[in-house]
Amino acid sequence: MKILLSEQNRGKPAESSRSNMETKPVLEVLNGEDNYLEWSVRVKKCLMAEDLWDIVEATNEPPTPENEAAFKAWRKMNAMALRVIQSSLGPDRFSDIMEITSARQIF
């Protein structure tokens, strides 16, 4: 994980900007089959760290909307997993999957 400084703090001494630092995972961008293995390992670890891997790995269907609480929880976790996966795709790959709403189907 790399530490990225917010725009407003670039160029300032480290001590003065330390409290305003943002930490964001820097994922490898999927460029195709050439780097799929490395990409998938990094994305999987990121999803696991955020407790989202179960959404991708699930073998059973998501809850039905009738079970409102369970469905809302699943929908939120699925959206978070989608964000992680989609943010690590280049423009060409993103356009291939942008209509898919299931993190499990994309991965």
Protein backbone atom coordinates (compact mmCIF):
# COMPACT_ATOMS: atom_id res chain seq x y z
CA MET A 1 0.00 0.00 0.00
CA LYS A 2 1.39 3.37 -0.96
CA ILE A 3 0.65 6.53 0.95
CA LEU A 4 -0.59 9.33 -1.25
CA LEU A 5 -0.60 12.97 -0.20
CA SER A 6 -3.73 14.96 -0.81
CA GLU A 7 -3.40 17.64 -3.51
CA GLN A 8 -3.38 20.48 -0.99
CA ASN A 9 -0.39 19.05 0.88
CA ARG A 10 1.96 18.24 -1.99
CA GLY A 11 5.27 19.99 -1.59
CA LYS A 12 4.82 20.68 2.14
CA PRO A 13 7.16 19.13 4.71
CA ALA A 14 6.10 15.68 5.88
CA GLU A 15 5.44 16.74 9.47
CA SER A 16 2.93 19.43 8.53
CA SER A 17 0.99 17.18 6.16
CA ARG A 18 1.13 13.94 8.14
CA SER A 19 -2.32 14.36 9.70
CA ASN A 20 -3.91 15.11 6.31
CA MET A 21 -2.44 12.13 4.47
CA GLU A 22 -4.77 9.75 2.71
CA THR A 23 -3.96 6.07 2.37
CA LYS A 24 -5.27 4.33 -0.69
CA PRO A 25 -4.38 0.96 -2.13
CA VAL A 26 -2.60 1.29 -5.44
CA LEU A 27 -3.81 -1.58 -7.56
CA GLU A 28 -2.25 -2.84 -10.71
CA VAL A 29 -4.37 -2.05 -13.74
CA LEU A 30 -5.57 -5.09 -15.68
CA ASN A 31 -4.21 -4.82 -19.21
CA GLY A 32 -5.39 -8.16 -20.47
CA GLU A 33 -4.23 -11.72 -20.15
CA ASP A 34 -0.60 -10.62 -19.85
CA ASN A 35 -0.99 -9.47 -16.25
CA TYR A 36 -4.19 -11.22 -15.12
CA LEU A 37 -2.45 -13.44 -12.55
CA GLU A 38 -0.67 -10.55 -10.82
CA TRP A 39 -3.78 -8.36 -11.04
CA SER A 40 -6.09 -11.04 -9.61
CA VAL A 41 -3.79 -11.75 -6.65
CA ARG A 42 -3.57 -8.07 -5.75
CA VAL A 43 -7.29 -7.41 -6.15
CA LYS A 44 -8.16 -10.55 -4.16
CA LYS A 45 -5.92 -9.43 -1.29
CA CYS A 46 -7.47 -5.96 -1.35
CA LEU A 47 -10.98 -7.44 -1.30
CA MET A 48 -10.01 -9.78 1.55
CA ALA A 49 -8.56 -6.88 3.55
CA GLU A 50 -11.85 -5.02 3.18
CA ASP A 51 -13.91 -8.13 4.09
CA LEU A 52 -15.42 -8.22 0.59
CA TRP A 53 -13.97 -11.43 -0.83
CA ASP A 54 -16.99 -13.49 0.26
CA ILE A 55 -19.14 -11.52 -2.20
CA VAL A 56 -16.89 -12.60 -5.08
CA GLU A 57 -16.34 -16.15 -3.88
CA ALA A 58 -19.97 -16.86 -2.91
CA THR A 59 -21.44 -20.02 -4.36
CA ASN A 60 -25.02 -19.27 -3.41
CA GLU A 61 -27.30 -16.61 -4.86
CA PRO A 62 -27.64 -13.17 -3.25
CA PRO A 63 -30.59 -12.61 -0.91
CA THR A 64 -33.90 -11.69 -2.50
CA PRO A 65 -35.25 -8.14 -2.16
CA GLU A 66 -38.05 -9.55 0.03
CA ASN A 67 -35.43 -10.10 2.73
CA GLU A 68 -34.81 -6.36 2.85
CA ALA A 69 -32.09 -6.15 5.52
CA ALA A 70 -30.01 -8.99 4.07
CA PHE A 71 -30.47 -7.69 0.52
CA LYS A 72 -29.38 -4.15 1.46
CA ALA A 73 -26.28 -5.48 3.24
CA TRP A 74 -25.39 -7.66 0.24
CA ARG A 75 -26.03 -4.82 -2.23
CA LYS A 76 -23.71 -2.49 -0.28
CA MET A 77 -20.92 -5.06 -0.07
CA ASN A 78 -21.33 -5.94 -3.75
CA ALA A 79 -21.07 -2.24 -4.69
CA MET A 80 -17.92 -1.87 -2.60
CA ALA A 81 -16.37 -4.94 -4.26
CA LEU A 82 -17.38 -3.61 -7.69
CA ARG A 83 -15.66 -0.31 -6.91
CA VAL A 84 -12.40 -2.06 -6.02
CA ILE A 85 -12.49 -4.22 -9.16
CA GLN A 86 -13.62 -1.48 -11.53
CA SER A 87 -11.03 1.00 -10.25
CA SER A 88 -8.28 -1.44 -11.23
CA LEU A 89 -9.39 -1.77 -14.85
CA GLY A 90 -8.09 0.21 -17.78
CA PRO A 91 -10.61 2.00 -20.02
CA ASP A 92 -10.81 -0.87 -22.52
CA ARG A 93 -11.50 -3.48 -19.85
CA PHE A 94 -13.93 -1.23 -17.99
CA SER A 95 -16.04 -0.72 -21.11
CA ASP A 96 -16.27 -4.53 -21.43
CA ILE A 97 -17.83 -4.93 -17.97
CA MET A 98 -19.53 -1.64 -17.16
CA GLU A 99 -23.04 -3.09 -17.54
CA ILE A 100 -22.37 -6.03 -15.17
CA THR A 101 -23.73 -5.42 -11.68
CA SER A 102 -22.27 -8.46 -9.89
CA ALA A 103 -18.71 -8.40 -8.54
CA ARG A 104 -18.70 -12.19 -8.69
CA GLN A 105 -19.46 -12.20 -12.43
CA ILE A 106 -16.72 -9.68 -13.20
CA PHE A 107 -13.96 -11.38 -11.26
